Amino acid sequence: MKVKVDRNTCIGCGACQAICSDVFEYGDDGIMDVKVDVVPDEFTDDVMDAKDGCPVDAIKIEEN
């Protein structure tokens, strides 16, 4: 799976990074970035939890 953060929607609350810091990190501007091109299988559940926990629905999932 691939994951993207809609940088126009993200408010930088950090919920996704708290759930899955192996995939999400703060960019220099305080908005979340995705650290990987393709999410490793072992982080799939965490990424889905991060998506569900995003208060502004900024995380988008693309299946391979």
PDB file of N, CA and C in Angstrom:
ATOM      1  N   MET A   1       0.840  -1.181   0.000  1.00  0.00           N
ATOM      2  CA  MET A   1       0.000   0.000   0.000  1.00  0.00           C
ATOM      3  C   MET A   1       0.877   1.233   0.000  1.00  0.00           C
ATOM      4  N   LYS A   2       0.334   2.295  -0.527  1.00  0.00           N
ATOM      5  CA  LYS A   2       0.984   3.601  -0.472  1.00  0.00           C
ATOM      6  C   LYS A   2       0.110   4.515   0.366  1.00  0.00           C
ATOM      7  N   VAL A   3       0.731   5.455   1.031  1.00  0.00           N
ATOM      8  CA  VAL A   3      -0.003   6.397   1.862  1.00  0.00           C
ATOM      9  C   VAL A   3       0.492   7.801   1.540  1.00  0.00           C
ATOM     10  N   LYS A   4      -0.437   8.730   1.553  1.00  0.00           N
ATOM     11  CA  LYS A   4      -0.106  10.138   1.314  1.00  0.00           C
ATOM     12  C   LYS A   4      -0.800  10.983   2.364  1.00  0.00           C
ATOM     13  N   VAL A   5      -0.199  12.119   2.646  1.00  0.00           N
ATOM     14  CA  VAL A   5      -0.808  13.099   3.538  1.00  0.00           C
ATOM     15  C   VAL A   5      -1.183  14.304   2.688  1.00  0.00           C
ATOM     16  N   ASP A   6      -2.445  14.682   2.729  1.00  0.00           N
ATOM     17  CA  ASP A   6      -2.902  15.889   2.037  1.00  0.00           C
ATOM     18  C   ASP A   6      -2.390  17.078   2.845  1.00  0.00           C
ATOM     19  N   ARG A   7      -1.337  17.683   2.356  1.00  0.00           N
ATOM     20  CA  ARG A   7      -0.671  18.755   3.087  1.00  0.00           C
ATOM     21  C   ARG A   7      -1.524  20.019   3.189  1.00  0.00           C
ATOM     22  N   ASN A   8      -2.524  20.152   2.350  1.00  0.00           N
ATOM     23  CA  ASN A   8      -3.435  21.302   2.446  1.00  0.00           C
ATOM     24  C   ASN A   8      -4.469  21.112   3.545  1.00  0.00           C
ATOM     25  N   THR A   9      -4.688  19.862   3.939  1.00  0.00           N
ATOM     26  CA  THR A   9      -5.674  19.541   4.962  1.00  0.00           C
ATOM     27  C   THR A   9      -5.026  19.310   6.324  1.00  0.00           C
ATOM     28  N   CYS A  10      -3.825  18.742   6.348  1.00  0.00           N
ATOM     29  CA  CYS A  10      -3.136  18.379   7.591  1.00  0.00           C
ATOM     30  C   CYS A  10      -2.958  19.602   8.497  1.00  0.00           C
ATOM     31  N   ILE A  11      -3.241  19.392   9.784  1.00  0.00           N
ATOM     32  CA  ILE A  11      -3.058  20.459  10.769  1.00  0.00           C
ATOM     33  C   ILE A  11      -1.840  20.213  11.649  1.00  0.00           C
ATOM     34  N   GLY A  12      -1.110  19.124  11.374  1.00  0.00           N
ATOM     35  CA  GLY A  12       0.120  18.842  12.113  1.00  0.00           C
ATOM     36  C   GLY A  12      -0.084  18.471  13.561  1.00  0.00           C
ATOM     37  N   CYS A  13      -1.196  17.812  13.875  1.00  0.00           N
ATOM     38  CA  CYS A  13      -1.481  17.478  15.276  1.00  0.00           C
ATOM     39  C   CYS A  13      -0.556  16.380  15.812  1.00  0.00           C
ATOM     40  N   GLY A  14       0.001  15.563  14.914  1.00  0.00           N
ATOM     41  CA  GLY A  14       0.957  14.541  15.331  1.00  0.00           C
ATOM     42  C   GLY A  14       0.361  13.199  15.708  1.00  0.00           C
ATOM     43  N   ALA A  15      -0.952  13.044  15.575  1.00  0.00           N
ATOM     44  CA  ALA A  15      -1.581  11.772  15.939  1.00  0.00           C
ATOM     45  C   ALA A  15      -1.018  10.625  15.116  1.00  0.00           C
ATOM     46  N   CYS A  16      -0.836  10.836  13.824  1.00  0.00           N
ATOM     47  CA  CYS A  16      -0.333   9.757  12.961  1.00  0.00           C
ATOM     48  C   CYS A  16       1.097   9.375  13.334  1.00  0.00           C
ATOM     49  N   GLN A  17       1.908  10.353  13.646  1.00  0.00           N
ATOM     50  CA  GLN A  17       3.288  10.063  14.032  1.00  0.00           C
ATOM     51  C   GLN A  17       3.320   9.316  15.367  1.00  0.00           C
ATOM     52  N   ALA A  18       2.428   9.666  16.274  1.00  0.00           N
ATOM     53  CA  ALA A  18       2.366   8.968  17.556  1.00  0.00           C
ATOM     54  C   ALA A  18       1.985   7.503  17.372  1.00  0.00           C
ATOM     55  N   ILE A  19       1.156   7.223  16.391  1.00  0.00           N
ATOM     56  CA  ILE A  19       0.724   5.857  16.123  1.00  0.00           C
ATOM     57  C   ILE A  19       1.764   5.094  15.312  1.00  0.00           C
ATOM     58  N   CYS A  20       2.392   5.754  14.331  1.00  0.00           N
ATOM     59  CA  CYS A  20       3.307   5.041  13.432  1.00  0.00           C
ATOM     60  C   CYS A  20       4.462   5.941  12.986  1.00  0.00           C
ATOM     61  N   SER A  21       5.409   6.138  13.880  1.00  0.00           N
ATOM     62  CA  SER A  21       6.554   7.012  13.574  1.00  0.00           C
ATOM     63  C   SER A  21       7.500   6.405  12.545  1.00  0.00           C
ATOM     64  N   ASP A  22       7.326   5.132  12.229  1.00  0.00           N
ATOM     65  CA  ASP A  22       8.142   4.521  11.176  1.00  0.00           C
ATOM     66  C   ASP A  22       7.691   4.965   9.790  1.00  0.00           C
ATOM     67  N   VAL A  23       6.492   5.529   9.692  1.00  0.00           N
ATOM     68  CA  VAL A  23       5.948   5.949   8.396  1.00  0.00           C
ATOM     69  C   VAL A  23       5.749   7.462   8.329  1.00  0.00           C
ATOM     70  N   PHE A  24       5.344   8.098   9.425  1.00  0.00           N
ATOM     71  CA  PHE A  24       5.024   9.526   9.422  1.00  0.00           C
ATOM     72  C   PHE A  24       6.050  10.320  10.215  1.00  0.00           C
ATOM     73  N   GLU A  25       6.366  11.523   9.720  1.00  0.00           N
ATOM     74  CA  GLU A  25       7.270  12.430  10.426  1.00  0.00           C
ATOM     75  C   GLU A  25       6.882  13.863  10.100  1.00  0.00           C
ATOM     76  N   TYR A  26       7.267  14.767  10.998  1.00  0.00           N
ATOM     77  CA  TYR A  26       7.031  16.189  10.750  1.00  0.00           C
ATOM     78  C   TYR A  26       7.973  16.687   9.667  1.00  0.00           C
ATOM     79  N   GLY A  27       7.431  17.476   8.741  1.00  0.00           N
ATOM     80  CA  GLY A  27       8.259  18.169   7.774  1.00  0.00           C
ATOM     81  C   GLY A  27       8.786  19.450   8.402  1.00  0.00           C
ATOM     82  N   ASP A  28       9.648  20.133   7.698  1.00  0.00           N
ATOM     83  CA  ASP A  28      10.231  21.377   8.209  1.00  0.00           C
ATOM     84  C   ASP A  28       9.175  22.448   8.492  1.00  0.00           C
ATOM     85  N   ASP A  29       8.037  22.339   7.836  1.00  0.00           N
ATOM     86  CA  ASP A  29       6.977  23.327   8.003  1.00  0.00           C
ATOM     87  C   ASP A  29       5.946  22.938   9.072  1.00  0.00           C
ATOM     88  N   GLY A  30       6.188  21.826   9.797  1.00  0.00           N
ATOM     89  CA  GLY A  30       5.271  21.412  10.846  1.00  0.00           C
ATOM     90  C   GLY A  30       4.101  20.576  10.371  1.00  0.00           C
ATOM     91  N   ILE A  31       4.078  20.267   9.093  1.00  0.00           N
ATOM     92  CA  ILE A  31       3.039  19.423   8.506  1.00  0.00           C
ATOM     93  C   ILE A  31       3.636  18.032   8.306  1.00  0.00           C
ATOM     94  N   MET A  32       2.810  17.011   8.404  1.00  0.00           N
ATOM     95  CA  MET A  32       3.302  15.641   8.307  1.00  0.00           C
ATOM     96  C   MET A  32       3.756  15.276   6.901  1.00  0.00           C
ATOM     97  N   ASP A  33       4.806  14.483   6.860  1.00  0.00           N
ATOM     98  CA  ASP A  33       5.319  13.889   5.636  1.00  0.00           C
ATOM     99  C   ASP A  33       5.294  12.377   5.801  1.00  0.00           C
ATOM    100  N   VAL A  34       5.326  11.678   4.685  1.00  0.00           N
ATOM    101  CA  VAL A  34       5.423  10.226   4.683  1.00  0.00           C
ATOM    102  C   VAL A  34       6.875   9.867   4.401  1.00  0.00           C
ATOM    103  N   LYS A  35       7.443   8.999   5.226  1.00  0.00           N
ATOM    104  CA  LYS A  35       8.867   8.660   5.140  1.00  0.00           C
ATOM    105  C   LYS A  35       9.166   7.539   4.145  1.00  0.00           C
ATOM    106  N   VAL A  36       8.157   6.812   3.678  1.00  0.00           N
ATOM    107  CA  VAL A  36       8.381   5.647   2.821  1.00  0.00           C
ATOM    108  C   VAL A  36       7.565   5.764   1.543  1.00  0.00           C
ATOM    109  N   ASP A  37       8.068   5.170   0.468  1.00  0.00           N
ATOM    110  CA  ASP A  37       7.303   5.140  -0.782  1.00  0.00           C
ATOM    111  C   ASP A  37       6.189   4.102  -0.723  1.00  0.00           C
ATOM    112  N   VAL A  38       6.525   2.935  -0.186  1.00  0.00           N
ATOM    113  CA  VAL A  38       5.563   1.853  -0.024  1.00  0.00           C
ATOM    114  C   VAL A  38       5.594   1.424   1.441  1.00  0.00           C
ATOM    115  N   VAL A  39       4.430   1.303   2.041  1.00  0.00           N
ATOM    116  CA  VAL A  39       4.342   0.935   3.456  1.00  0.00           C
ATOM    117  C   VAL A  39       4.694  -0.551   3.619  1.00  0.00           C
ATOM    118  N   PRO A  40       5.701  -0.855   4.438  1.00  0.00           N
ATOM    119  CA  PRO A  40       6.013  -2.260   4.721  1.00  0.00           C
ATOM    120  C   PRO A  40       4.814  -2.955   5.377  1.00  0.00           C
ATOM    121  N   ASP A  41       4.637  -4.218   5.054  1.00  0.00           N
ATOM    122  CA  ASP A  41       3.481  -4.971   5.550  1.00  0.00           C
ATOM    123  C   ASP A  41       3.324  -4.907   7.064  1.00  0.00           C
ATOM    124  N   GLU A  42       4.429  -4.871   7.789  1.00  0.00           N
ATOM    125  CA  GLU A  42       4.324  -4.876   9.249  1.00  0.00           C
ATOM    126  C   GLU A  42       3.733  -3.588   9.826  1.00  0.00           C
ATOM    127  N   PHE A  43       3.634  -2.542   9.001  1.00  0.00           N
ATOM    128  CA  PHE A  43       3.062  -1.272   9.469  1.00  0.00           C
ATOM    129  C   PHE A  43       1.670  -0.995   8.920  1.00  0.00           C
ATOM    130  N   THR A  44       1.112  -1.931   8.167  1.00  0.00           N
ATOM    131  CA  THR A  44      -0.194  -1.712   7.544  1.00  0.00           C
ATOM    132  C   THR A  44      -1.276  -1.393   8.568  1.00  0.00           C
ATOM    133  N   ASP A  45      -1.365  -2.185   9.633  1.00  0.00           N
ATOM    134  CA  ASP A  45      -2.405  -1.948  10.639  1.00  0.00           C
ATOM    135  C   ASP A  45      -2.220  -0.599  11.325  1.00  0.00           C
ATOM    136  N   ASP A  46      -0.975  -0.239  11.620  1.00  0.00           N
ATOM    137  CA  ASP A  46      -0.712   1.056  12.264  1.00  0.00           C
ATOM    138  C   ASP A  46      -1.086   2.217  11.347  1.00  0.00           C
ATOM    139  N   VAL A  47      -0.789   2.086  10.062  1.00  0.00           N
ATOM    140  CA  VAL A  47      -1.145   3.153   9.107  1.00  0.00           C
ATOM    141  C   VAL A  47      -2.660   3.291   9.018  1.00  0.00           C
ATOM    142  N   MET A  48      -3.374   2.177   9.021  1.00  0.00           N
ATOM    143  CA  MET A  48      -4.837   2.240   8.988  1.00  0.00           C
ATOM    144  C   MET A  48      -5.373   2.887  10.264  1.00  0.00           C
ATOM    145  N   ASP A  49      -4.759   2.583  11.411  1.00  0.00           N
ATOM    146  CA  ASP A  49      -5.158   3.226  12.668  1.00  0.00           C
ATOM    147  C   ASP A  49      -4.876   4.726  12.614  1.00  0.00           C
ATOM    148  N   ALA A  50      -3.735   5.101  12.030  1.00  0.00           N
ATOM    149  CA  ALA A  50      -3.398   6.517  11.899  1.00  0.00           C
ATOM    150  C   ALA A  50      -4.409   7.232  11.000  1.00  0.00           C
ATOM    151  N   LYS A  51      -4.781   6.591   9.910  1.00  0.00           N
ATOM    152  CA  LYS A  51      -5.788   7.169   9.004  1.00  0.00           C
ATOM    153  C   LYS A  51      -7.099   7.377   9.754  1.00  0.00           C
ATOM    154  N   ASP A  52      -7.530   6.346  10.476  1.00  0.00           N
ATOM    155  CA  ASP A  52      -8.788   6.439  11.219  1.00  0.00           C
ATOM    156  C   ASP A  52      -8.719   7.483  12.331  1.00  0.00           C
ATOM    157  N   GLY A  53      -7.522   7.712  12.883  1.00  0.00           N
ATOM    158  CA  GLY A  53      -7.359   8.660  13.979  1.00  0.00           C
ATOM    159  C   GLY A  53      -7.088  10.089  13.561  1.00  0.00           C
ATOM    160  N   CYS A  54      -6.921  10.315  12.276  1.00  0.00           N
ATOM    161  CA  CYS A  54      -6.642  11.683  11.800  1.00  0.00           C
ATOM    162  C   CYS A  54      -7.896  12.546  11.963  1.00  0.00           C
ATOM    163  N   PRO A  55      -7.805  13.632  12.733  1.00  0.00           N
ATOM    164  CA  PRO A  55      -9.003  14.435  13.003  1.00  0.00           C
ATOM    165  C   PRO A  55      -9.513  15.220  11.803  1.00  0.00           C
ATOM    166  N   VAL A  56      -8.693  15.363  10.760  1.00  0.00           N
ATOM    167  CA  VAL A  56      -9.123  16.135   9.586  1.00  0.00           C
ATOM    168  C   VAL A  56      -9.135  15.299   8.318  1.00  0.00           C
ATOM    169  N   ASP A  57      -8.987  13.980   8.442  1.00  0.00           N
ATOM    170  CA  ASP A  57      -9.045  13.051   7.312  1.00  0.00           C
ATOM    171  C   ASP A  57      -8.033  13.416   6.227  1.00  0.00           C
ATOM    172  N   ALA A  58      -6.797  13.727   6.653  1.00  0.00           N
ATOM    173  CA  ALA A  58      -5.754  14.140   5.706  1.00  0.00           C
ATOM    174  C   ALA A  58      -4.952  12.967   5.149  1.00  0.00           C
ATOM    175  N   ILE A  59      -5.128  11.767   5.699  1.00  0.00           N
ATOM    176  CA  ILE A  59      -4.332  10.613   5.271  1.00  0.00           C
ATOM    177  C   ILE A  59      -5.122   9.827   4.234  1.00  0.00           C
ATOM    178  N   LYS A  60      -4.486   9.610   3.096  1.00  0.00           N
ATOM    179  CA  LYS A  60      -5.109   8.885   1.990  1.00  0.00           C
ATOM    180  C   LYS A  60      -4.327   7.625   1.695  1.00  0.00           C
ATOM    181  N   ILE A  61      -5.047   6.523   1.495  1.00  0.00           N
ATOM    182  CA  ILE A  61      -4.442   5.219   1.230  1.00  0.00           C
ATOM    183  C   ILE A  61      -4.635   4.866  -0.232  1.00  0.00           C
ATOM    184  N   GLU A  62      -3.566   4.354  -0.851  1.00  0.00           N
ATOM    185  CA  GLU A  62      -3.649   3.830  -2.209  1.00  0.00           C
ATOM    186  C   GLU A  62      -3.185   2.382  -2.169  1.00  0.00           C
ATOM    187  N   GLU A  63      -4.012   1.483  -2.615  1.00  0.00           N
ATOM    188  CA  GLU A  63      -3.614   0.078  -2.680  1.00  0.00           C
ATOM    189  C   GLU A  63      -2.722  -0.122  -3.899  1.00  0.00           C
ATOM    190  N   ASN A  64      -1.752  -1.006  -3.783  1.00  0.00           N
ATOM    191  CA  ASN A  64      -0.837  -1.281  -4.906  1.00  0.00           C
ATOM    192  C   ASN A  64      -1.572  -2.006  -6.007  1.00  0.00           C
TER     193      ASN A  64
END
